[in-house]
């Protein structure tokens, strides 16, 4: 996964971020982006080919320079892309300066996830939207037990990925109101595959 990008999920869960099974999620989430778009943890640019429609500019934020170099070589549409080497906890953009924030399988790995979400809210325009697809804490007690017990080891072998982050409550605690959310298990081991997909706006 890099630092908090979406290059790899360990083979244990057979969910490489390059896996074609993730394409429908990317298409739905990224397809709803518009205007000036900030992508958090853009990694090696796996999302770039999915951007379409009414987008003026893509701001691809990623702290790992190696991944940014890979992203610059990814073919994509003619819309302008600005690559930003920076942390999501301190986004180098003005307040209320973007129309859409996109995060795909990223919140699980950001060390200061609460600070990052606060920054996302800060740079988002009042009528803007946060689009997300993330894996995280399951509602099922037995699965949660495994997520809690596996996470300390999992973080060490998967680039800091947490299996047990409560994505919806994290987003709401940062001052967002959920407009739409769908949850469920993707194909694969349940501790690694409970997914949150949806959109939110500033509260």
N, C-alpha and C. Protein backbone atom coordinates (compact mmCIF):
# COMPACT_ATOMS: atom_id res chain seq x y z
N UNK A 1 0.79 -1.21 0.00
CA UNK A 1 0.00 0.00 0.00
C UNK A 1 0.83 1.27 0.00
N UNK A 2 2.10 1.21 0.07
CA UNK A 2 2.88 2.41 0.28
C UNK A 2 2.54 2.97 1.64
N UNK A 3 2.68 4.28 1.81
CA UNK A 3 2.42 4.87 3.12
C UNK A 3 0.92 4.90 3.40
N UNK A 4 0.15 5.52 2.52
CA UNK A 4 -1.30 5.33 2.60
C UNK A 4 -1.92 5.46 1.23
N UNK A 5 -1.37 4.69 0.35
CA UNK A 5 -1.90 4.64 -1.00
C UNK A 5 -2.37 3.24 -1.30
N UNK A 6 -2.83 3.04 -2.53
CA UNK A 6 -3.54 1.80 -2.80
C UNK A 6 -2.80 0.92 -3.80
N UNK A 7 -1.50 0.75 -3.63
CA UNK A 7 -0.76 -0.09 -4.55
C UNK A 7 -0.99 -1.56 -4.28
N UNK A 8 -0.91 -2.01 -3.01
CA UNK A 8 -0.99 -3.44 -2.74
C UNK A 8 -1.76 -3.69 -1.45
N UNK A 9 -2.59 -4.69 -1.43
CA UNK A 9 -3.04 -5.33 -0.20
C UNK A 9 -2.36 -6.69 -0.17
N UNK A 10 -1.95 -7.16 1.00
CA UNK A 10 -1.22 -8.42 1.06
C UNK A 10 -1.99 -9.57 0.43
N UNK A 11 -1.27 -10.56 -0.07
CA UNK A 11 -1.88 -11.68 -0.76
C UNK A 11 -2.75 -12.51 0.17
N UNK A 12 -2.56 -12.36 1.49
CA UNK A 12 -3.37 -13.09 2.44
C UNK A 12 -4.85 -12.92 2.17
N UNK A 13 -5.27 -11.73 1.76
CA UNK A 13 -6.69 -11.49 1.48
C UNK A 13 -7.00 -11.49 0.00
N UNK A 14 -5.97 -11.71 -0.84
CA UNK A 14 -6.16 -11.82 -2.28
C UNK A 14 -6.90 -10.61 -2.84
N UNK A 15 -6.59 -9.43 -2.32
CA UNK A 15 -7.26 -8.22 -2.79
C UNK A 15 -6.23 -7.18 -3.20
N UNK A 16 -5.42 -7.49 -4.18
CA UNK A 16 -4.50 -6.47 -4.69
C UNK A 16 -5.30 -5.27 -5.13
N UNK A 17 -4.80 -4.09 -4.82
CA UNK A 17 -5.49 -2.88 -5.24
C UNK A 17 -5.55 -2.77 -6.76
N UNK A 18 -4.74 -3.54 -7.46
CA UNK A 18 -4.81 -3.56 -8.91
C UNK A 18 -5.86 -4.54 -9.42
N UNK A 19 -6.52 -5.26 -8.52
CA UNK A 19 -7.45 -6.29 -8.91
C UNK A 19 -8.63 -5.72 -9.68
N UNK A 20 -8.99 -6.37 -10.77
CA UNK A 20 -10.10 -5.86 -11.60
C UNK A 20 -11.43 -5.90 -10.87
N UNK A 21 -11.55 -6.71 -9.81
CA UNK A 21 -12.80 -6.74 -9.05
C UNK A 21 -13.08 -5.42 -8.36
N UNK A 22 -12.05 -4.59 -8.22
CA UNK A 22 -12.25 -3.29 -7.58
C UNK A 22 -12.70 -2.22 -8.59
N UNK A 23 -12.64 -2.52 -9.86
CA UNK A 23 -12.99 -1.53 -10.87
C UNK A 23 -14.40 -0.96 -10.72
N UNK A 24 -15.42 -1.79 -10.46
CA UNK A 24 -16.76 -1.19 -10.30
C UNK A 24 -16.84 -0.19 -9.16
N UNK A 25 -16.12 -0.44 -8.07
CA UNK A 25 -16.10 0.52 -6.96
C UNK A 25 -15.45 1.82 -7.42
N UNK A 26 -14.31 1.71 -8.08
CA UNK A 26 -13.62 2.91 -8.56
C UNK A 26 -14.51 3.69 -9.54
N UNK A 27 -15.15 2.97 -10.44
CA UNK A 27 -15.99 3.63 -11.44
C UNK A 27 -17.13 4.40 -10.80
N UNK A 28 -17.78 3.81 -9.80
CA UNK A 28 -18.91 4.48 -9.14
C UNK A 28 -18.44 5.70 -8.35
N UNK A 29 -17.41 5.52 -7.55
CA UNK A 29 -16.96 6.60 -6.68
C UNK A 29 -16.34 7.73 -7.49
N UNK A 30 -15.39 7.39 -8.34
CA UNK A 30 -14.68 8.41 -9.10
C UNK A 30 -15.57 9.03 -10.16
N UNK A 31 -16.52 8.23 -10.66
CA UNK A 31 -17.45 8.76 -11.65
C UNK A 31 -18.34 9.86 -11.13
N UNK A 32 -18.48 9.99 -9.83
CA UNK A 32 -19.31 11.05 -9.25
C UNK A 32 -18.53 12.32 -8.95
N UNK A 33 -17.21 12.30 -9.18
CA UNK A 33 -16.39 13.47 -8.91
C UNK A 33 -16.64 14.55 -9.95
N UNK A 34 -16.50 15.81 -9.53
CA UNK A 34 -16.70 16.94 -10.44
C UNK A 34 -15.93 18.15 -9.96
N UNK A 35 -15.70 19.08 -10.89
CA UNK A 35 -15.03 20.31 -10.55
C UNK A 35 -13.55 20.12 -10.29
N UNK A 36 -13.06 20.80 -9.29
CA UNK A 36 -11.66 20.68 -8.85
C UNK A 36 -11.60 19.55 -7.83
N UNK A 37 -10.87 18.49 -8.15
CA UNK A 37 -10.90 17.25 -7.37
C UNK A 37 -9.57 17.04 -6.66
N UNK A 38 -9.65 16.77 -5.37
CA UNK A 38 -8.48 16.37 -4.58
C UNK A 38 -8.59 14.89 -4.29
N UNK A 39 -7.61 14.12 -4.75
CA UNK A 39 -7.56 12.70 -4.40
C UNK A 39 -6.52 12.49 -3.31
N UNK A 40 -6.95 11.87 -2.22
CA UNK A 40 -6.09 11.62 -1.07
C UNK A 40 -5.40 10.27 -1.23
N UNK A 41 -4.07 10.25 -1.06
CA UNK A 41 -3.33 9.00 -1.18
C UNK A 41 -3.46 8.43 -2.57
N UNK A 42 -3.10 9.22 -3.58
CA UNK A 42 -3.31 8.80 -4.96
C UNK A 42 -2.37 7.69 -5.40
N UNK A 43 -1.32 7.44 -4.63
CA UNK A 43 -0.45 6.31 -4.88
C UNK A 43 0.17 6.32 -6.27
N UNK A 44 0.14 5.17 -6.92
CA UNK A 44 0.77 5.02 -8.24
C UNK A 44 -0.16 5.42 -9.38
N UNK A 45 -1.28 6.05 -9.06
CA UNK A 45 -2.17 6.58 -10.09
C UNK A 45 -3.21 5.61 -10.63
N UNK A 46 -3.56 4.60 -9.83
CA UNK A 46 -4.51 3.60 -10.31
C UNK A 46 -5.88 4.19 -10.62
N UNK A 47 -6.24 5.28 -9.96
CA UNK A 47 -7.55 5.88 -10.21
C UNK A 47 -7.59 6.80 -11.42
N UNK A 48 -6.45 7.26 -11.88
CA UNK A 48 -6.44 8.29 -12.92
C UNK A 48 -7.24 7.92 -14.17
N UNK A 49 -7.17 6.69 -14.66
CA UNK A 49 -7.93 6.36 -15.88
C UNK A 49 -9.44 6.39 -15.70
N UNK A 50 -9.92 6.46 -14.45
CA UNK A 50 -11.36 6.40 -14.20
C UNK A 50 -12.01 7.78 -14.16
N UNK A 51 -11.23 8.85 -14.15
CA UNK A 51 -11.82 10.18 -14.09
C UNK A 51 -12.40 10.57 -15.44
N UNK A 52 -13.63 11.06 -15.39
CA UNK A 52 -14.35 11.46 -16.60
C UNK A 52 -15.25 12.65 -16.27
N UNK A 53 -15.89 13.17 -17.28
CA UNK A 53 -16.98 14.12 -17.05
C UNK A 53 -16.54 15.51 -16.70
N UNK A 54 -17.31 16.16 -15.82
CA UNK A 54 -17.17 17.59 -15.54
C UNK A 54 -16.09 17.85 -14.49
N UNK A 55 -14.86 17.52 -14.82
CA UNK A 55 -13.73 17.73 -13.91
C UNK A 55 -12.81 18.78 -14.53
N UNK A 56 -12.49 19.81 -13.76
CA UNK A 56 -11.60 20.87 -14.24
C UNK A 56 -10.13 20.53 -13.99
N UNK A 57 -9.87 19.91 -12.83
CA UNK A 57 -8.49 19.64 -12.44
C UNK A 57 -8.48 18.53 -11.41
N UNK A 58 -7.45 17.69 -11.47
CA UNK A 58 -7.23 16.66 -10.46
C UNK A 58 -5.98 17.02 -9.68
N UNK A 59 -6.10 17.07 -8.37
CA UNK A 59 -4.95 17.28 -7.47
C UNK A 59 -4.66 15.94 -6.82
N UNK A 60 -3.58 15.31 -7.23
CA UNK A 60 -3.24 13.96 -6.76
C UNK A 60 -2.23 14.07 -5.63
N UNK A 61 -2.70 13.90 -4.41
CA UNK A 61 -1.87 14.07 -3.22
C UNK A 61 -1.34 12.73 -2.73
N UNK A 62 -0.03 12.64 -2.55
CA UNK A 62 0.62 11.39 -2.14
C UNK A 62 1.95 11.73 -1.46
N UNK A 63 2.24 11.15 -0.29
CA UNK A 63 3.48 11.47 0.40
C UNK A 63 4.71 10.72 -0.10
N UNK A 64 4.54 9.68 -0.87
CA UNK A 64 5.65 8.84 -1.30
C UNK A 64 6.13 9.27 -2.69
N UNK A 65 7.34 9.82 -2.81
CA UNK A 65 7.80 10.31 -4.11
C UNK A 65 7.95 9.22 -5.15
N UNK A 66 8.27 7.99 -4.74
CA UNK A 66 8.39 6.88 -5.69
C UNK A 66 7.06 6.59 -6.34
N UNK A 67 5.99 6.58 -5.54
CA UNK A 67 4.65 6.33 -6.09
C UNK A 67 4.20 7.47 -6.99
N UNK A 68 4.54 8.70 -6.60
CA UNK A 68 4.18 9.83 -7.46
C UNK A 68 4.87 9.74 -8.82
N UNK A 69 6.12 9.30 -8.81
CA UNK A 69 6.83 9.14 -10.08
C UNK A 69 6.14 8.09 -10.96
N UNK A 70 5.65 7.03 -10.34
CA UNK A 70 4.91 6.01 -11.09
C UNK A 70 3.61 6.59 -11.64
N UNK A 71 2.92 7.40 -10.82
CA UNK A 71 1.63 7.97 -11.23
C UNK A 71 1.78 8.89 -12.43
N UNK A 72 2.90 9.60 -12.50
CA UNK A 72 3.11 10.53 -13.63
C UNK A 72 3.20 9.80 -14.96
N UNK A 73 3.47 8.50 -14.93
CA UNK A 73 3.59 7.74 -16.17
C UNK A 73 2.29 7.03 -16.56
N UNK A 74 1.24 7.19 -15.75
CA UNK A 74 -0.03 6.50 -16.03
C UNK A 74 -0.81 7.24 -17.11
N UNK A 75 -1.23 6.53 -18.18
CA UNK A 75 -2.06 7.18 -19.19
C UNK A 75 -3.41 7.59 -18.60
N UNK A 76 -3.88 8.75 -18.97
CA UNK A 76 -5.19 9.22 -18.49
C UNK A 76 -5.74 10.21 -19.49
N UNK A 77 -6.94 10.70 -19.23
CA UNK A 77 -7.59 11.63 -20.14
C UNK A 77 -6.83 12.96 -20.16
N UNK A 78 -7.29 13.86 -20.98
CA UNK A 78 -6.57 15.12 -21.18
C UNK A 78 -6.78 16.14 -20.05
N UNK A 79 -7.62 15.82 -19.09
CA UNK A 79 -7.84 16.78 -18.01
C UNK A 79 -6.55 17.00 -17.21
N UNK A 80 -6.31 18.23 -16.74
CA UNK A 80 -5.05 18.54 -16.07
C UNK A 80 -4.92 17.83 -14.72
N UNK A 81 -3.72 17.33 -14.44
CA UNK A 81 -3.42 16.66 -13.17
C UNK A 81 -2.22 17.36 -12.54
N UNK A 82 -2.37 17.76 -11.29
CA UNK A 82 -1.28 18.32 -10.52
C UNK A 82 -0.89 17.33 -9.43
N UNK A 83 0.35 16.90 -9.42
CA UNK A 83 0.82 15.93 -8.44
C UNK A 83 1.43 16.68 -7.25
N UNK A 84 0.96 16.32 -6.05
CA UNK A 84 1.38 17.03 -4.84
C UNK A 84 2.01 16.04 -3.88
N UNK A 85 3.28 16.22 -3.58
CA UNK A 85 3.96 15.37 -2.61
C UNK A 85 3.73 15.95 -1.21
N UNK A 86 2.78 15.40 -0.49
CA UNK A 86 2.41 15.95 0.81
C UNK A 86 1.59 14.93 1.60
N UNK A 87 1.46 15.20 2.88
CA UNK A 87 0.70 14.35 3.79
C UNK A 87 -0.75 14.81 3.85
N UNK A 88 -1.66 13.86 4.02
CA UNK A 88 -3.07 14.21 4.16
C UNK A 88 -3.36 14.91 5.48
N UNK A 89 -2.48 14.76 6.46
CA UNK A 89 -2.69 15.44 7.74
C UNK A 89 -2.41 16.93 7.65
N UNK A 90 -1.67 17.35 6.64
CA UNK A 90 -1.38 18.78 6.42
C UNK A 90 -1.46 19.06 4.92
N UNK A 91 -2.65 19.21 4.41
CA UNK A 91 -2.87 19.41 2.98
C UNK A 91 -2.48 20.84 2.59
N UNK A 92 -1.57 21.01 1.64
CA UNK A 92 -1.09 22.35 1.28
C UNK A 92 -2.01 23.07 0.29
N UNK A 93 -3.28 23.21 0.66
CA UNK A 93 -4.25 23.90 -0.17
C UNK A 93 -5.02 24.89 0.69
N UNK A 94 -5.59 25.89 0.03
CA UNK A 94 -6.37 26.90 0.74
C UNK A 94 -7.69 26.33 1.25
N UNK A 95 -8.25 26.98 2.25
CA UNK A 95 -9.58 26.62 2.75
C UNK A 95 -10.60 26.71 1.61
N UNK A 96 -11.55 25.76 1.63
CA UNK A 96 -12.70 25.80 0.72
C UNK A 96 -12.28 25.99 -0.75
N UNK A 97 -11.27 25.23 -1.17
CA UNK A 97 -10.72 25.44 -2.50
C UNK A 97 -10.95 24.27 -3.46
N UNK A 98 -11.61 23.19 -3.01
CA UNK A 98 -11.87 22.07 -3.91
C UNK A 98 -13.36 21.70 -3.87
N UNK A 99 -13.82 21.14 -4.98
CA UNK A 99 -15.23 20.77 -5.09
C UNK A 99 -15.50 19.34 -4.63
N UNK A 100 -14.52 18.47 -4.82
CA UNK A 100 -14.68 17.05 -4.49
C UNK A 100 -13.40 16.53 -3.85
N UNK A 101 -13.55 15.76 -2.80
CA UNK A 101 -12.43 15.00 -2.23
C UNK A 101 -12.72 13.53 -2.45
N UNK A 102 -11.73 12.80 -2.97
CA UNK A 102 -11.87 11.37 -3.24
C UNK A 102 -10.87 10.60 -2.38
N UNK A 103 -11.35 9.55 -1.73
CA UNK A 103 -10.46 8.66 -0.98
C UNK A 103 -10.88 7.22 -1.23
N UNK A 104 -9.95 6.41 -1.73
CA UNK A 104 -10.24 5.01 -2.04
C UNK A 104 -9.22 4.12 -1.35
N UNK A 105 -9.68 3.32 -0.41
CA UNK A 105 -8.85 2.39 0.34
C UNK A 105 -7.60 3.09 0.89
N UNK A 106 -7.86 4.20 1.57
CA UNK A 106 -6.78 5.07 2.04
C UNK A 106 -6.87 5.35 3.53
N UNK A 107 -8.08 5.55 4.06
CA UNK A 107 -8.23 5.93 5.47
C UNK A 107 -7.71 4.86 6.43
N UNK A 108 -7.63 3.63 5.96
CA UNK A 108 -7.14 2.55 6.83
C UNK A 108 -5.68 2.71 7.19
N UNK A 109 -4.91 3.46 6.38
CA UNK A 109 -3.47 3.51 6.59
C UNK A 109 -2.95 4.85 7.07
N UNK A 110 -3.73 5.92 6.98
CA UNK A 110 -3.22 7.23 7.39
C UNK A 110 -3.00 7.23 8.90
N UNK A 111 -1.77 7.52 9.35
CA UNK A 111 -1.51 7.50 10.80
C UNK A 111 -2.43 8.44 11.58
N UNK A 112 -2.55 9.68 11.14
CA UNK A 112 -3.43 10.64 11.80
C UNK A 112 -4.71 10.80 11.03
N UNK A 113 -5.54 9.77 11.03
CA UNK A 113 -6.74 9.78 10.19
C UNK A 113 -7.72 10.88 10.59
N UNK A 114 -7.84 11.18 11.89
CA UNK A 114 -8.76 12.24 12.31
C UNK A 114 -8.28 13.59 11.80
N UNK A 115 -6.98 13.84 11.89
CA UNK A 115 -6.42 15.09 11.38
C UNK A 115 -6.60 15.18 9.87
N UNK A 116 -6.43 14.06 9.17
CA UNK A 116 -6.58 14.05 7.73
C UNK A 116 -8.01 14.37 7.32
N UNK A 117 -8.98 13.78 7.99
CA UNK A 117 -10.38 14.07 7.68
C UNK A 117 -10.73 15.52 7.98
N UNK A 118 -10.17 16.05 9.04
CA UNK A 118 -10.38 17.46 9.35
C UNK A 118 -9.82 18.36 8.25
N UNK A 119 -8.66 17.98 7.71
CA UNK A 119 -8.07 18.73 6.61
C UNK A 119 -8.92 18.61 5.35
N UNK A 120 -9.46 17.44 5.09
CA UNK A 120 -10.33 17.26 3.93
C UNK A 120 -11.54 18.20 4.04
N UNK A 121 -12.11 18.28 5.23
CA UNK A 121 -13.26 19.16 5.43
C UNK A 121 -12.86 20.62 5.24
N UNK A 122 -11.67 20.97 5.72
CA UNK A 122 -11.20 22.36 5.62
C UNK A 122 -11.08 22.81 4.17
N UNK A 123 -10.53 21.95 3.30
CA UNK A 123 -10.29 22.38 1.92
C UNK A 123 -11.53 22.21 1.02
N UNK A 124 -12.55 21.56 1.52
CA UNK A 124 -13.76 21.31 0.73
C UNK A 124 -14.69 22.53 0.77
N UNK A 125 -15.21 22.90 -0.37
CA UNK A 125 -16.16 24.00 -0.42
C UNK A 125 -17.45 23.62 0.31
N UNK A 126 -18.21 24.61 0.80
CA UNK A 126 -19.42 24.30 1.57
C UNK A 126 -20.40 23.38 0.84
N UNK A 127 -20.48 23.50 -0.49
CA UNK A 127 -21.39 22.66 -1.25
C UNK A 127 -20.66 21.48 -1.90
N UNK A 128 -19.42 21.24 -1.49
CA UNK A 128 -18.64 20.15 -2.06
C UNK A 128 -18.99 18.80 -1.44
N UNK A 129 -18.32 17.76 -1.92
CA UNK A 129 -18.63 16.42 -1.42
C UNK A 129 -17.37 15.59 -1.25
N UNK A 130 -17.45 14.72 -0.28
CA UNK A 130 -16.42 13.71 -0.03
C UNK A 130 -16.94 12.39 -0.58
N UNK A 131 -16.18 11.78 -1.49
CA UNK A 131 -16.53 10.49 -2.07
C UNK A 131 -15.55 9.46 -1.56
N UNK A 132 -16.05 8.31 -1.13
CA UNK A 132 -15.16 7.35 -0.50
C UNK A 132 -15.56 5.91 -0.78
N UNK A 133 -14.56 5.04 -0.83
CA UNK A 133 -14.75 3.60 -0.70
C UNK A 133 -13.57 3.12 0.13
N UNK A 134 -13.89 2.47 1.24
CA UNK A 134 -12.89 2.08 2.23
C UNK A 134 -13.28 0.72 2.82
N UNK A 135 -12.29 0.01 3.32
CA UNK A 135 -12.62 -1.18 4.11
C UNK A 135 -12.39 -0.85 5.59
N UNK A 136 -13.11 -1.54 6.47
CA UNK A 136 -12.98 -1.20 7.87
C UNK A 136 -13.78 -2.12 8.77
N UNK A 137 -14.16 -1.58 9.92
CA UNK A 137 -14.76 -2.35 11.00
C UNK A 137 -16.09 -2.99 10.57
N UNK A 138 -16.21 -4.27 10.81
CA UNK A 138 -17.43 -5.01 10.50
C UNK A 138 -18.46 -4.86 11.62
N UNK A 139 -19.76 -4.94 11.30
CA UNK A 139 -20.79 -4.91 12.34
C UNK A 139 -20.95 -6.26 13.04
N UNK A 140 -20.34 -7.30 12.51
CA UNK A 140 -20.50 -8.66 13.05
C UNK A 140 -19.47 -8.93 14.15
N UNK A 141 -19.98 -9.31 15.32
CA UNK A 141 -19.13 -9.44 16.50
C UNK A 141 -17.96 -10.39 16.25
N UNK A 142 -18.22 -11.53 15.66
CA UNK A 142 -17.15 -12.49 15.44
C UNK A 142 -16.07 -11.98 14.50
N UNK A 143 -16.50 -11.27 13.47
CA UNK A 143 -15.54 -10.70 12.52
C UNK A 143 -14.75 -9.58 13.18
N UNK A 144 -15.42 -8.76 13.98
CA UNK A 144 -14.73 -7.68 14.69
C UNK A 144 -13.66 -8.23 15.61
N UNK A 145 -13.95 -9.34 16.26
CA UNK A 145 -12.95 -9.95 17.16
C UNK A 145 -11.68 -10.25 16.38
N UNK A 146 -11.83 -10.84 15.21
CA UNK A 146 -10.67 -11.15 14.39
C UNK A 146 -9.98 -9.89 13.90
N UNK A 147 -10.76 -8.88 13.52
CA UNK A 147 -10.15 -7.63 13.06
C UNK A 147 -9.31 -6.99 14.16
N UNK A 148 -9.85 -6.96 15.38
CA UNK A 148 -9.11 -6.36 16.49
C UNK A 148 -7.83 -7.13 16.81
N UNK A 149 -7.89 -8.44 16.74
CA UNK A 149 -6.75 -9.25 17.11
C UNK A 149 -5.71 -9.36 16.00
N UNK A 150 -6.16 -9.23 14.75
CA UNK A 150 -5.22 -9.32 13.64
C UNK A 150 -4.52 -8.00 13.33
N UNK A 151 -5.17 -6.88 13.65
CA UNK A 151 -4.66 -5.58 13.23
C UNK A 151 -3.23 -5.29 13.68
N UNK A 152 -2.82 -5.59 14.93
CA UNK A 152 -1.43 -5.27 15.31
C UNK A 152 -0.39 -5.94 14.41
N UNK A 153 -0.65 -7.17 14.00
CA UNK A 153 0.28 -7.86 13.09
C UNK A 153 0.07 -7.37 11.66
N UNK A 154 -1.19 -7.21 11.27
CA UNK A 154 -1.53 -6.82 9.91
C UNK A 154 -0.87 -5.49 9.53
N UNK A 155 -0.85 -4.54 10.49
CA UNK A 155 -0.25 -3.24 10.21
C UNK A 155 1.20 -3.37 9.80
N UNK A 156 1.90 -4.33 10.39
CA UNK A 156 3.33 -4.48 10.12
C UNK A 156 3.61 -5.06 8.74
N UNK A 157 2.66 -5.83 8.20
CA UNK A 157 2.91 -6.49 6.93
C UNK A 157 2.15 -5.85 5.77
N UNK A 158 1.41 -4.78 6.04
CA UNK A 158 0.55 -4.21 5.00
C UNK A 158 0.63 -2.69 4.94
N UNK A 159 1.79 -2.15 5.26
CA UNK A 159 1.97 -0.71 5.11
C UNK A 159 1.15 0.13 6.06
N UNK A 160 0.88 -0.38 7.26
CA UNK A 160 0.14 0.39 8.26
C UNK A 160 -1.36 0.26 8.19
N UNK A 161 -1.86 -0.69 7.41
CA UNK A 161 -3.30 -0.86 7.23
C UNK A 161 -3.97 -1.37 8.51
N UNK A 162 -5.03 -0.68 8.93
CA UNK A 162 -5.85 -1.10 10.06
C UNK A 162 -7.11 -1.79 9.52
N UNK A 163 -7.39 -2.96 10.03
CA UNK A 163 -8.60 -3.68 9.61
C UNK A 163 -9.85 -3.19 10.33
N UNK A 164 -9.67 -2.51 11.46
CA UNK A 164 -10.78 -2.26 12.37
C UNK A 164 -11.13 -0.78 12.55
N UNK A 165 -10.88 0.03 11.56
CA UNK A 165 -11.26 1.43 11.70
C UNK A 165 -12.75 1.61 11.36
N UNK A 166 -13.49 2.30 12.23
CA UNK A 166 -14.94 2.50 12.02
C UNK A 166 -15.17 3.66 11.06
N UNK A 167 -15.15 3.38 9.79
CA UNK A 167 -15.09 4.43 8.76
C UNK A 167 -16.24 5.43 8.86
N UNK A 168 -17.46 4.94 9.00
CA UNK A 168 -18.59 5.88 9.04
C UNK A 168 -18.47 6.84 10.23
N UNK A 169 -18.22 6.32 11.41
CA UNK A 169 -18.15 7.19 12.59
C UNK A 169 -16.96 8.13 12.52
N UNK A 170 -15.86 7.69 11.89
CA UNK A 170 -14.71 8.58 11.70
C UNK A 170 -15.08 9.77 10.83
N UNK A 171 -15.78 9.50 9.74
CA UNK A 171 -16.17 10.57 8.82
C UNK A 171 -17.14 11.53 9.52
N UNK A 172 -18.10 11.00 10.23
CA UNK A 172 -19.08 11.85 10.92
C UNK A 172 -18.43 12.66 12.02
N UNK A 173 -17.49 12.06 12.76
CA UNK A 173 -16.81 12.77 13.85
C UNK A 173 -15.97 13.94 13.34
N UNK A 174 -15.58 13.89 12.07
CA UNK A 174 -14.78 14.97 11.49
C UNK A 174 -15.63 16.13 10.98
N UNK A 175 -16.95 16.06 11.18
CA UNK A 175 -17.82 17.17 10.78
C UNK A 175 -18.48 17.00 9.44
N UNK A 176 -18.62 15.75 9.00
CA UNK A 176 -19.31 15.46 7.75
C UNK A 176 -20.68 14.84 8.04
N UNK A 177 -21.59 15.07 7.13
CA UNK A 177 -22.89 14.40 7.16
C UNK A 177 -22.94 13.41 6.00
N UNK A 178 -23.23 12.16 6.32
CA UNK A 178 -23.30 11.13 5.29
C UNK A 178 -24.56 11.34 4.44
N UNK A 179 -24.39 11.45 3.14
CA UNK A 179 -25.53 11.53 2.22
C UNK A 179 -25.95 10.15 1.74
N UNK A 180 -24.97 9.30 1.49
CA UNK A 180 -25.23 7.95 0.98
C UNK A 180 -24.14 7.03 1.47
N UNK A 181 -24.54 5.82 1.89
CA UNK A 181 -23.53 4.84 2.26
C UNK A 181 -24.08 3.44 2.00
N UNK A 182 -23.23 2.61 1.45
CA UNK A 182 -23.54 1.20 1.25
C UNK A 182 -22.41 0.39 1.88
N UNK A 183 -22.78 -0.66 2.58
CA UNK A 183 -21.79 -1.48 3.25
C UNK A 183 -22.01 -2.95 2.91
N UNK A 184 -20.95 -3.72 3.06
CA UNK A 184 -21.06 -5.15 2.81
C UNK A 184 -19.69 -5.76 2.59
N UNK A 185 -19.66 -7.07 2.50
CA UNK A 185 -18.41 -7.78 2.32
C UNK A 185 -18.10 -7.95 0.83
N UNK A 186 -16.86 -7.66 0.49
CA UNK A 186 -16.38 -8.04 -0.82
C UNK A 186 -15.98 -9.51 -0.78
N UNK A 187 -15.66 -10.07 -1.94
CA UNK A 187 -15.18 -11.44 -1.99
C UNK A 187 -13.83 -11.54 -1.27
N UNK A 188 -13.69 -12.54 -0.40
CA UNK A 188 -12.45 -12.73 0.33
C UNK A 188 -12.71 -12.92 1.81
N UNK A 189 -11.65 -13.09 2.61
CA UNK A 189 -11.81 -13.28 4.05
C UNK A 189 -12.51 -12.08 4.69
N UNK A 190 -13.51 -12.34 5.51
CA UNK A 190 -14.34 -11.27 6.05
C UNK A 190 -13.58 -10.23 6.86
N UNK A 191 -12.57 -10.57 7.66
CA UNK A 191 -11.88 -9.52 8.41
C UNK A 191 -11.22 -8.46 7.53
N UNK A 192 -10.93 -8.81 6.28
CA UNK A 192 -10.24 -7.88 5.39
C UNK A 192 -11.15 -7.21 4.38
N UNK A 193 -12.41 -7.55 4.34
CA UNK A 193 -13.22 -7.16 3.17
C UNK A 193 -14.52 -6.43 3.48
N UNK A 194 -14.76 -6.00 4.72
CA UNK A 194 -15.99 -5.25 4.96
C UNK A 194 -15.79 -3.84 4.42
N UNK A 195 -16.69 -3.42 3.53
CA UNK A 195 -16.47 -2.21 2.73
C UNK A 195 -17.56 -1.16 2.97
N UNK A 196 -17.12 0.09 3.01
CA UNK A 196 -17.99 1.26 3.11
C UNK A 196 -17.84 2.07 1.82
N UNK A 197 -18.93 2.33 1.16
CA UNK A 197 -18.89 3.13 -0.08
C UNK A 197 -19.97 4.19 -0.01
N UNK A 198 -19.62 5.44 -0.31
CA UNK A 198 -20.66 6.45 -0.27
C UNK A 198 -20.15 7.85 -0.47
N UNK A 199 -20.94 8.81 -0.02
CA UNK A 199 -20.61 10.23 -0.16
C UNK A 199 -21.05 10.97 1.08
N UNK A 200 -20.39 12.11 1.33
CA UNK A 200 -20.70 12.92 2.49
C UNK A 200 -20.45 14.37 2.13
N UNK A 201 -21.01 15.27 2.95
CA UNK A 201 -20.78 16.69 2.75
C UNK A 201 -20.52 17.34 4.10
N UNK A 202 -20.01 18.56 4.06
CA UNK A 202 -19.73 19.29 5.30
C UNK A 202 -20.99 19.47 6.12
N UNK A 203 -20.90 19.23 7.39
CA UNK A 203 -22.06 19.34 8.28
C UNK A 203 -22.39 20.80 8.53
